[in-house]
Amino acid sequence: MSKLFRYGSTMSATVIIALLLVLSWITVEEDFPAFQYAQPGVRGPLIPVEPYNGIAENVARFLWDHRALDLNSQAFVIVAAIVCSLAMLKAEEGET
């Protein structure tokens, strides 16, 4: 029996717990402006009245201004892709 087979689930659990701790720490440390646009005195309308000129610039500016939200979203997508890939590669009960 190889070491990977013997300690694989322990290492996986350790890595998942470490990632959860790091993401929890980032969430606590970074300020997410969840209700910033619901407050009065907003700088501008969220939906432009004129045609969508410069929408790429506005999206890019939003992502750069809220970088922690962007990075957490990317991390979630990567982890979800890894979990789905591992689920597809998982051996079924009849296979060995």
PDB file of N, CA and C in Angstrom:
ATOM      1  N   MET A   1       0.847  -1.176   0.000  1.00  0.00           N
ATOM      2  CA  MET A   1       0.000   0.000   0.000  1.00  0.00           C
ATOM      3  C   MET A   1       0.898   1.247   0.000  1.00  0.00           C
ATOM      4  N   SER A   2       0.666   2.152  -0.904  1.00  0.00           N
ATOM      5  CA  SER A   2       1.514   3.333  -1.012  1.00  0.00           C
ATOM      6  C   SER A   2       1.149   4.368   0.053  1.00  0.00           C
ATOM      7  N   LYS A   3       2.096   5.283   0.285  1.00  0.00           N
ATOM      8  CA  LYS A   3       1.859   6.332   1.276  1.00  0.00           C
ATOM      9  C   LYS A   3       0.729   7.257   0.838  1.00  0.00           C
ATOM     10  N   LEU A   4       0.641   7.504  -0.462  1.00  0.00           N
ATOM     11  CA  LEU A   4      -0.419   8.374  -0.970  1.00  0.00           C
ATOM     12  C   LEU A   4      -1.784   7.772  -0.695  1.00  0.00           C
ATOM     13  N   PHE A   5      -1.920   6.477  -0.904  1.00  0.00           N
ATOM     14  CA  PHE A   5      -3.195   5.809  -0.646  1.00  0.00           C
ATOM     15  C   PHE A   5      -3.509   5.800   0.847  1.00  0.00           C
ATOM     16  N   ARG A   6      -2.474   5.602   1.681  1.00  0.00           N
ATOM     17  CA  ARG A   6      -2.674   5.512   3.121  1.00  0.00           C
ATOM     18  C   ARG A   6      -2.980   6.880   3.746  1.00  0.00           C
ATOM     19  N   TYR A   7      -2.256   7.921   3.341  1.00  0.00           N
ATOM     20  CA  TYR A   7      -2.393   9.233   3.967  1.00  0.00           C
ATOM     21  C   TYR A   7      -3.116  10.245   3.086  1.00  0.00           C
ATOM     22  N   GLY A   8      -3.679   9.819   1.978  1.00  0.00           N
ATOM     23  CA  GLY A   8      -4.318  10.748   1.047  1.00  0.00           C
ATOM     24  C   GLY A   8      -5.495  11.488   1.642  1.00  0.00           C
ATOM     25  N   SER A   9      -6.376  10.783   2.349  1.00  0.00           N
ATOM     26  CA  SER A   9      -7.549  11.451   2.922  1.00  0.00           C
ATOM     27  C   SER A   9      -7.149  12.387   4.053  1.00  0.00           C
ATOM     28  N   THR A  10      -6.124  12.027   4.822  1.00  0.00           N
ATOM     29  CA  THR A  10      -5.656  12.900   5.901  1.00  0.00           C
ATOM     30  C   THR A  10      -5.057  14.175   5.325  1.00  0.00           C
ATOM     31  N   MET A  11      -4.251  14.030   4.278  1.00  0.00           N
ATOM     32  CA  MET A  11      -3.656  15.208   3.650  1.00  0.00           C
ATOM     33  C   MET A  11      -4.722  16.085   3.003  1.00  0.00           C
ATOM     34  N   SER A  12      -5.705  15.461   2.378  1.00  0.00           N
ATOM     35  CA  SER A  12      -6.788  16.228   1.757  1.00  0.00           C
ATOM     36  C   SER A  12      -7.548  17.025   2.800  1.00  0.00           C
ATOM     37  N   ALA A  13      -7.872  16.389   3.919  1.00  0.00           N
ATOM     38  CA  ALA A  13      -8.588  17.088   4.992  1.00  0.00           C
ATOM     39  C   ALA A  13      -7.741  18.219   5.551  1.00  0.00           C
ATOM     40  N   THR A  14      -6.438  17.999   5.700  1.00  0.00           N
ATOM     41  CA  THR A  14      -5.545  19.040   6.212  1.00  0.00           C
ATOM     42  C   THR A  14      -5.491  20.229   5.257  1.00  0.00           C
ATOM     43  N   VAL A  15      -5.387  19.964   3.977  1.00  0.00           N
ATOM     44  CA  VAL A  15      -5.332  21.046   2.985  1.00  0.00           C
ATOM     45  C   VAL A  15      -6.649  21.810   2.954  1.00  0.00           C
ATOM     46  N   ILE A  16      -7.772  21.106   3.012  1.00  0.00           N
ATOM     47  CA  ILE A  16      -9.079  21.774   2.994  1.00  0.00           C
ATOM     48  C   ILE A  16      -9.249  22.644   4.224  1.00  0.00           C
ATOM     49  N   ILE A  17      -8.865  22.147   5.392  1.00  0.00           N
ATOM     50  CA  ILE A  17      -8.978  22.941   6.621  1.00  0.00           C
ATOM     51  C   ILE A  17      -8.064  24.156   6.555  1.00  0.00           C
ATOM     52  N   ALA A  18      -6.848  23.983   6.041  1.00  0.00           N
ATOM     53  CA  ALA A  18      -5.932  25.116   5.908  1.00  0.00           C
ATOM     54  C   ALA A  18      -6.494  26.162   4.955  1.00  0.00           C
ATOM     55  N   LEU A  19      -7.059  25.729   3.828  1.00  0.00           N
ATOM     56  CA  LEU A  19      -7.661  26.680   2.886  1.00  0.00           C
ATOM     57  C   LEU A  19      -8.848  27.409   3.505  1.00  0.00           C
ATOM     58  N   LEU A  20      -9.671  26.683   4.255  1.00  0.00           N
ATOM     59  CA  LEU A  20     -10.801  27.325   4.922  1.00  0.00           C
ATOM     60  C   LEU A  20     -10.333  28.359   5.940  1.00  0.00           C
ATOM     61  N   LEU A  21      -9.272  28.049   6.677  1.00  0.00           N
ATOM     62  CA  LEU A  21      -8.739  29.015   7.639  1.00  0.00           C
ATOM     63  C   LEU A  21      -8.192  30.253   6.938  1.00  0.00           C
ATOM     64  N   VAL A  22      -7.470  30.058   5.845  1.00  0.00           N
ATOM     65  CA  VAL A  22      -6.918  31.202   5.107  1.00  0.00           C
ATOM     66  C   VAL A  22      -8.037  32.054   4.518  1.00  0.00           C
ATOM     67  N   LEU A  23      -9.028  31.420   3.897  1.00  0.00           N
ATOM     68  CA  LEU A  23     -10.137  32.184   3.318  1.00  0.00           C
ATOM     69  C   LEU A  23     -10.961  32.878   4.397  1.00  0.00           C
ATOM     70  N   SER A  24     -11.117  32.241   5.557  1.00  0.00           N
ATOM     71  CA  SER A  24     -11.828  32.886   6.662  1.00  0.00           C
ATOM     72  C   SER A  24     -11.058  34.104   7.147  1.00  0.00           C
ATOM     73  N   TRP A  25      -9.738  33.978   7.239  1.00  0.00           N
ATOM     74  CA  TRP A  25      -8.921  35.097   7.686  1.00  0.00           C
ATOM     75  C   TRP A  25      -9.008  36.254   6.690  1.00  0.00           C
ATOM     76  N   ILE A  26      -8.951  35.947   5.395  1.00  0.00           N
ATOM     77  CA  ILE A  26      -9.064  36.994   4.376  1.00  0.00           C
ATOM     78  C   ILE A  26     -10.428  37.670   4.457  1.00  0.00           C
ATOM     79  N   THR A  27     -11.471  36.880   4.666  1.00  0.00           N
ATOM     80  CA  THR A  27     -12.816  37.442   4.753  1.00  0.00           C
ATOM     81  C   THR A  27     -12.948  38.367   5.951  1.00  0.00           C
ATOM     82  N   VAL A  28     -12.332  38.015   7.062  1.00  0.00           N
ATOM     83  CA  VAL A  28     -12.408  38.854   8.260  1.00  0.00           C
ATOM     84  C   VAL A  28     -11.577  40.118   8.083  1.00  0.00           C
ATOM     85  N   GLU A  29     -10.409  40.005   7.458  1.00  0.00           N
ATOM     86  CA  GLU A  29      -9.507  41.141   7.325  1.00  0.00           C
ATOM     87  C   GLU A  29      -9.939  42.136   6.249  1.00  0.00           C
ATOM     88  N   GLU A  30     -10.477  41.666   5.152  1.00  0.00           N
ATOM     89  CA  GLU A  30     -10.850  42.541   4.044  1.00  0.00           C
ATOM     90  C   GLU A  30     -12.257  43.091   4.249  1.00  0.00           C
ATOM     91  N   ASP A  31     -12.440  44.332   3.873  1.00  0.00           N
ATOM     92  CA  ASP A  31     -13.731  44.989   4.016  1.00  0.00           C
ATOM     93  C   ASP A  31     -14.529  44.809   2.728  1.00  0.00           C
ATOM     94  N   PHE A  32     -15.670  44.144   2.839  1.00  0.00           N
ATOM     95  CA  PHE A  32     -16.550  43.963   1.690  1.00  0.00           C
ATOM     96  C   PHE A  32     -17.669  44.999   1.772  1.00  0.00           C
ATOM     97  N   PRO A  33     -17.749  45.920   0.817  1.00  0.00           N
ATOM     98  CA  PRO A  33     -18.796  46.951   0.867  1.00  0.00           C
ATOM     99  C   PRO A  33     -20.133  46.415   0.365  1.00  0.00           C
ATOM    100  N   ALA A  34     -20.762  45.544   1.157  1.00  0.00           N
ATOM    101  CA  ALA A  34     -21.987  44.884   0.701  1.00  0.00           C
ATOM    102  C   ALA A  34     -23.134  45.870   0.499  1.00  0.00           C
ATOM    103  N   PHE A  35     -23.276  46.818   1.405  1.00  0.00           N
ATOM    104  CA  PHE A  35     -24.412  47.736   1.335  1.00  0.00           C
ATOM    105  C   PHE A  35     -23.976  49.155   0.980  1.00  0.00           C
ATOM    106  N   GLN A  36     -22.846  49.287   0.350  1.00  0.00           N
ATOM    107  CA  GLN A  36     -22.338  50.607   0.002  1.00  0.00           C
ATOM    108  C   GLN A  36     -23.266  51.324  -0.976  1.00  0.00           C
ATOM    109  N   TYR A  37     -23.814  50.612  -1.940  1.00  0.00           N
ATOM    110  CA  TYR A  37     -24.630  51.255  -2.963  1.00  0.00           C
ATOM    111  C   TYR A  37     -26.080  51.411  -2.536  1.00  0.00           C
ATOM    112  N   ALA A  38     -26.468  50.834  -1.412  1.00  0.00           N
ATOM    113  CA  ALA A  38     -27.828  50.998  -0.918  1.00  0.00           C
ATOM    114  C   ALA A  38     -27.963  52.254  -0.062  1.00  0.00           C
ATOM    115  N   GLN A  39     -26.861  52.881   0.276  1.00  0.00           N
ATOM    116  CA  GLN A  39     -26.887  54.067   1.116  1.00  0.00           C
ATOM    117  C   GLN A  39     -27.142  55.308   0.261  1.00  0.00           C
ATOM    118  N   PRO A  40     -27.728  56.331   0.858  1.00  0.00           N
ATOM    119  CA  PRO A  40     -27.926  57.576   0.099  1.00  0.00           C
ATOM    120  C   PRO A  40     -26.582  58.253  -0.183  1.00  0.00           C
ATOM    121  N   GLY A  41     -26.568  59.044  -1.204  1.00  0.00           N
ATOM    122  CA  GLY A  41     -25.347  59.759  -1.565  1.00  0.00           C
ATOM    123  C   GLY A  41     -24.433  58.938  -2.451  1.00  0.00           C
ATOM    124  N   VAL A  42     -25.006  58.097  -3.267  1.00  0.00           N
ATOM    125  CA  VAL A  42     -24.213  57.279  -4.182  1.00  0.00           C
ATOM    126  C   VAL A  42     -23.593  58.195  -5.230  1.00  0.00           C
ATOM    127  N   ARG A  43     -22.365  57.894  -5.637  1.00  0.00           N
ATOM    128  CA  ARG A  43     -21.653  58.742  -6.597  1.00  0.00           C
ATOM    129  C   ARG A  43     -22.346  58.839  -7.944  1.00  0.00           C
ATOM    130  N   GLY A  44     -22.951  57.767  -8.403  1.00  0.00           N
ATOM    131  CA  GLY A  44     -23.616  57.759  -9.701  1.00  0.00           C
ATOM    132  C   GLY A  44     -24.577  56.592  -9.771  1.00  0.00           C
ATOM    133  N   PRO A  45     -25.416  56.566 -10.780  1.00  0.00           N
ATOM    134  CA  PRO A  45     -26.360  55.444 -10.896  1.00  0.00           C
ATOM    135  C   PRO A  45     -25.627  54.150 -11.244  1.00  0.00           C
ATOM    136  N   LEU A  46     -26.150  53.043 -10.745  1.00  0.00           N
ATOM    137  CA  LEU A  46     -25.540  51.751 -11.052  1.00  0.00           C
ATOM    138  C   LEU A  46     -25.824  51.329 -12.485  1.00  0.00           C
ATOM    139  N   ILE A  47     -27.004  51.642 -12.976  1.00  0.00           N
ATOM    140  CA  ILE A  47     -27.371  51.315 -14.349  1.00  0.00           C
ATOM    141  C   ILE A  47     -27.354  52.609 -15.151  1.00  0.00           C
ATOM    142  N   PRO A  48     -26.530  52.677 -16.195  1.00  0.00           N
ATOM    143  CA  PRO A  48     -26.457  53.924 -16.951  1.00  0.00           C
ATOM    144  C   PRO A  48     -27.749  54.190 -17.721  1.00  0.00           C
ATOM    145  N   VAL A  49     -28.094  55.468 -17.820  1.00  0.00           N
ATOM    146  CA  VAL A  49     -29.289  55.868 -18.549  1.00  0.00           C
ATOM    147  C   VAL A  49     -28.999  55.887 -20.051  1.00  0.00           C
ATOM    148  N   GLU A  50     -27.810  56.323 -20.420  1.00  0.00           N
ATOM    149  CA  GLU A  50     -27.433  56.363 -21.827  1.00  0.00           C
ATOM    150  C   GLU A  50     -27.011  54.971 -22.283  1.00  0.00           C
ATOM    151  N   PRO A  51     -26.763  54.787 -23.568  1.00  0.00           N
ATOM    152  CA  PRO A  51     -26.311  53.471 -24.048  1.00  0.00           C
ATOM    153  C   PRO A  51     -25.035  53.033 -23.323  1.00  0.00           C
ATOM    154  N   TYR A  52     -24.754  51.761 -23.417  1.00  0.00           N
ATOM    155  CA  TYR A  52     -23.666  51.175 -22.637  1.00  0.00           C
ATOM    156  C   TYR A  52     -22.298  51.484 -23.233  1.00  0.00           C
ATOM    157  N   ASN A  53     -21.957  52.741 -23.270  1.00  0.00           N
ATOM    158  CA  ASN A  53     -20.629  53.145 -23.725  1.00  0.00           C
ATOM    159  C   ASN A  53     -19.660  52.994 -22.563  1.00  0.00           C
ATOM    160  N   GLY A  54     -18.553  52.359 -22.804  1.00  0.00           N
ATOM    161  CA  GLY A  54     -17.530  52.228 -21.772  1.00  0.00           C
ATOM    162  C   GLY A  54     -17.867  51.234 -20.682  1.00  0.00           C
ATOM    163  N   ILE A  55     -18.709  50.231 -20.973  1.00  0.00           N
ATOM    164  CA  ILE A  55     -19.081  49.282 -19.921  1.00  0.00           C
ATOM    165  C   ILE A  55     -17.881  48.422 -19.525  1.00  0.00           C
ATOM    166  N   ALA A  56     -16.994  48.124 -20.469  1.00  0.00           N
ATOM    167  CA  ALA A  56     -15.800  47.342 -20.147  1.00  0.00           C
ATOM    168  C   ALA A  56     -14.906  48.101 -19.172  1.00  0.00           C
ATOM    169  N   GLU A  57     -14.783  49.402 -19.377  1.00  0.00           N
ATOM    170  CA  GLU A  57     -13.980  50.222 -18.466  1.00  0.00           C
ATOM    171  C   GLU A  57     -14.584  50.225 -17.069  1.00  0.00           C
ATOM    172  N   ASN A  58     -15.911  50.322 -16.990  1.00  0.00           N
ATOM    173  CA  ASN A  58     -16.567  50.348 -15.686  1.00  0.00           C
ATOM    174  C   ASN A  58     -16.444  49.014 -14.962  1.00  0.00           C
ATOM    175  N   VAL A  59     -16.566  47.915 -15.692  1.00  0.00           N
ATOM    176  CA  VAL A  59     -16.414  46.595 -15.069  1.00  0.00           C
ATOM    177  C   VAL A  59     -14.977  46.414 -14.595  1.00  0.00           C
ATOM    178  N   ALA A  60     -14.017  46.801 -15.411  1.00  0.00           N
ATOM    179  CA  ALA A  60     -12.618  46.689 -15.011  1.00  0.00           C
ATOM    180  C   ALA A  60     -12.330  47.548 -13.783  1.00  0.00           C
ATOM    181  N   ARG A  61     -12.873  48.751 -13.748  1.00  0.00           N
ATOM    182  CA  ARG A  61     -12.664  49.635 -12.601  1.00  0.00           C
ATOM    183  C   ARG A  61     -13.286  49.041 -11.341  1.00  0.00           C
ATOM    184  N   PHE A  62     -14.485  48.460 -11.465  1.00  0.00           N
ATOM    185  CA  PHE A  62     -15.139  47.835 -10.307  1.00  0.00           C
ATOM    186  C   PHE A  62     -14.293  46.686  -9.772  1.00  0.00           C
ATOM    187  N   LEU A  63     -13.767  45.836 -10.683  1.00  0.00           N
ATOM    188  CA  LEU A  63     -12.971  44.697 -10.232  1.00  0.00           C
ATOM    189  C   LEU A  63     -11.662  45.142  -9.589  1.00  0.00           C
ATOM    190  N   TRP A  64     -11.051  46.215 -10.106  1.00  0.00           N
ATOM    191  CA  TRP A  64      -9.816  46.689  -9.485  1.00  0.00           C
ATOM    192  C   TRP A  64     -10.099  47.377  -8.156  1.00  0.00           C
ATOM    193  N   ASP A  65     -11.243  48.048  -8.041  1.00  0.00           N
ATOM    194  CA  ASP A  65     -11.580  48.702  -6.776  1.00  0.00           C
ATOM    195  C   ASP A  65     -11.966  47.701  -5.698  1.00  0.00           C
ATOM    196  N   HIS A  66     -12.510  46.575  -6.086  1.00  0.00           N
ATOM    197  CA  HIS A  66     -12.942  45.541  -5.142  1.00  0.00           C
ATOM    198  C   HIS A  66     -12.152  44.269  -5.418  1.00  0.00           C
ATOM    199  N   ARG A  67     -10.843  44.349  -5.269  1.00  0.00           N
ATOM    200  CA  ARG A  67      -9.950  43.253  -5.647  1.00  0.00           C
ATOM    201  C   ARG A  67     -10.154  42.011  -4.783  1.00  0.00           C
ATOM    202  N   ALA A  68     -10.445  42.178  -3.495  1.00  0.00           N
ATOM    203  CA  ALA A  68     -10.624  41.017  -2.619  1.00  0.00           C
ATOM    204  C   ALA A  68     -11.829  40.189  -3.059  1.00  0.00           C
ATOM    205  N   LEU A  69     -12.885  40.851  -3.466  1.00  0.00           N
ATOM    206  CA  LEU A  69     -14.070  40.137  -3.944  1.00  0.00           C
ATOM    207  C   LEU A  69     -13.743  39.359  -5.214  1.00  0.00           C
ATOM    208  N   ASP A  70     -12.982  39.966  -6.095  1.00  0.00           N
ATOM    209  CA  ASP A  70     -12.584  39.315  -7.340  1.00  0.00           C
ATOM    210  C   ASP A  70     -11.714  38.093  -7.063  1.00  0.00           C
ATOM    211  N   LEU A  71     -10.744  38.223  -6.175  1.00  0.00           N
ATOM    212  CA  LEU A  71      -9.848  37.106  -5.875  1.00  0.00           C
ATOM    213  C   LEU A  71     -10.579  35.967  -5.183  1.00  0.00           C
ATOM    214  N   ASN A  72     -11.486  36.284  -4.271  1.00  0.00           N
ATOM    215  CA  ASN A  72     -12.259  35.228  -3.614  1.00  0.00           C
ATOM    216  C   ASN A  72     -13.161  34.511  -4.611  1.00  0.00           C
ATOM    217  N   SER A  73     -13.723  35.244  -5.558  1.00  0.00           N
ATOM    218  CA  SER A  73     -14.559  34.615  -6.587  1.00  0.00           C
ATOM    219  C   SER A  73     -13.727  33.687  -7.463  1.00  0.00           C
ATOM    220  N   GLN A  74     -12.549  34.122  -7.851  1.00  0.00           N
ATOM    221  CA  GLN A  74     -11.676  33.279  -8.663  1.00  0.00           C
ATOM    222  C   GLN A  74     -11.250  32.031  -7.899  1.00  0.00           C
ATOM    223  N   ALA A  75     -10.931  32.187  -6.607  1.00  0.00           N
ATOM    224  CA  ALA A  75     -10.537  31.030  -5.793  1.00  0.00           C
ATOM    225  C   ALA A  75     -11.683  30.035  -5.684  1.00  0.00           C
ATOM    226  N   PHE A  76     -12.905  30.536  -5.529  1.00  0.00           N
ATOM    227  CA  PHE A  76     -14.061  29.643  -5.440  1.00  0.00           C
ATOM    228  C   PHE A  76     -14.254  28.871  -6.739  1.00  0.00           C
ATOM    229  N   VAL A  77     -14.108  29.536  -7.869  1.00  0.00           N
ATOM    230  CA  VAL A  77     -14.278  28.863  -9.159  1.00  0.00           C
ATOM    231  C   VAL A  77     -13.200  27.801  -9.355  1.00  0.00           C
ATOM    232  N   ILE A  78     -11.966  28.108  -8.967  1.00  0.00           N
ATOM    233  CA  ILE A  78     -10.882  27.131  -9.109  1.00  0.00           C
ATOM    234  C   ILE A  78     -11.121  25.924  -8.212  1.00  0.00           C
ATOM    235  N   VAL A  79     -11.512  26.150  -6.956  1.00  0.00           N
ATOM    236  CA  VAL A  79     -11.779  25.037  -6.038  1.00  0.00           C
ATOM    237  C   VAL A  79     -12.954  24.207  -6.542  1.00  0.00           C
ATOM    238  N   ALA A  80     -13.990  24.852  -7.049  1.00  0.00           N
ATOM    239  CA  ALA A  80     -15.138  24.108  -7.583  1.00  0.00           C
ATOM    240  C   ALA A  80     -14.721  23.265  -8.785  1.00  0.00           C
ATOM    241  N   ALA A  81     -13.862  23.800  -9.643  1.00  0.00           N
ATOM    242  CA  ALA A  81     -13.383  23.033 -10.796  1.00  0.00           C
ATOM    243  C   ALA A  81     -12.549  21.833 -10.352  1.00  0.00           C
ATOM    244  N   ILE A  82     -11.733  22.016  -9.327  1.00  0.00           N
ATOM    245  CA  ILE A  82     -10.926  20.907  -8.813  1.00  0.00           C
ATOM    246  C   ILE A  82     -11.814  19.827  -8.222  1.00  0.00           C
ATOM    247  N   VAL A  83     -12.800  20.230  -7.439  1.00  0.00           N
ATOM    248  CA  VAL A  83     -13.708  19.256  -6.827  1.00  0.00           C
ATOM    249  C   VAL A  83     -14.474  18.491  -7.905  1.00  0.00           C
ATOM    250  N   CYS A  84     -14.942  19.186  -8.927  1.00  0.00           N
ATOM    251  CA  CYS A  84     -15.673  18.515 -10.008  1.00  0.00           C
ATOM    252  C   CYS A  84     -14.760  17.573 -10.789  1.00  0.00           C
ATOM    253  N   SER A  85     -13.523  17.978 -11.021  1.00  0.00           N
ATOM    254  CA  SER A  85     -12.580  17.107 -11.731  1.00  0.00           C
ATOM    255  C   SER A  85     -12.280  15.855 -10.919  1.00  0.00           C
ATOM    256  N   LEU A  86     -12.090  16.020  -9.619  1.00  0.00           N
ATOM    257  CA  LEU A  86     -11.834  14.860  -8.766  1.00  0.00           C
ATOM    258  C   LEU A  86     -13.048  13.948  -8.688  1.00  0.00           C
ATOM    259  N   ALA A  87     -14.235  14.525  -8.714  1.00  0.00           N
ATOM    260  CA  ALA A  87     -15.444  13.701  -8.681  1.00  0.00           C
ATOM    261  C   ALA A  87     -15.565  12.876  -9.961  1.00  0.00           C
ATOM    262  N   MET A  88     -15.151  13.437 -11.095  1.00  0.00           N
ATOM    263  CA  MET A  88     -15.200  12.677 -12.347  1.00  0.00           C
ATOM    264  C   MET A  88     -14.151  11.573 -12.370  1.00  0.00           C
ATOM    265  N   LEU A  89     -13.001  11.798 -11.730  1.00  0.00           N
ATOM    266  CA  LEU A  89     -11.925  10.814 -11.734  1.00  0.00           C
ATOM    267  C   LEU A  89     -12.070   9.766 -10.635  1.00  0.00           C
ATOM    268  N   LYS A  90     -12.994   9.972  -9.727  1.00  0.00           N
ATOM    269  CA  LYS A  90     -13.174   9.052  -8.599  1.00  0.00           C
ATOM    270  C   LYS A  90     -13.564   7.667  -9.120  1.00  0.00           C
ATOM    271  N   ALA A  91     -12.926   6.651  -8.556  1.00  0.00           N
ATOM    272  CA  ALA A  91     -13.239   5.279  -8.950  1.00  0.00           C
ATOM    273  C   ALA A  91     -14.594   4.881  -8.386  1.00  0.00           C
ATOM    274  N   GLU A  92     -15.373   4.206  -9.199  1.00  0.00           N
ATOM    275  CA  GLU A  92     -16.680   3.755  -8.726  1.00  0.00           C
ATOM    276  C   GLU A  92     -16.495   2.520  -7.864  1.00  0.00           C
ATOM    277  N   GLU A  93     -17.546   2.096  -7.179  1.00  0.00           N
ATOM    278  CA  GLU A  93     -17.423   0.995  -6.228  1.00  0.00           C
ATOM    279  C   GLU A  93     -17.016  -0.306  -6.899  1.00  0.00           C
ATOM    280  N   GLY A  94     -17.441  -0.554  -8.121  1.00  0.00           N
ATOM    281  CA  GLY A  94     -17.113  -1.790  -8.808  1.00  0.00           C
ATOM    282  C   GLY A  94     -15.701  -1.816  -9.374  1.00  0.00           C
ATOM    283  N   GLU A  95     -15.082  -0.648  -9.577  1.00  0.00           N
ATOM    284  CA  GLU A  95     -13.752  -0.563 -10.173  1.00  0.00           C
ATOM    285  C   GLU A  95     -12.671  -0.651  -9.105  1.00  0.00           C
ATOM    286  N   THR A  96     -11.510  -1.152  -9.511  1.00  0.00           N
ATOM    287  CA  THR A  96     -10.352  -1.163  -8.613  1.00  0.00           C
ATOM    288  C   THR A  96      -9.086  -0.844  -9.342  1.00  0.00           C
TER     289      THR A  96
END
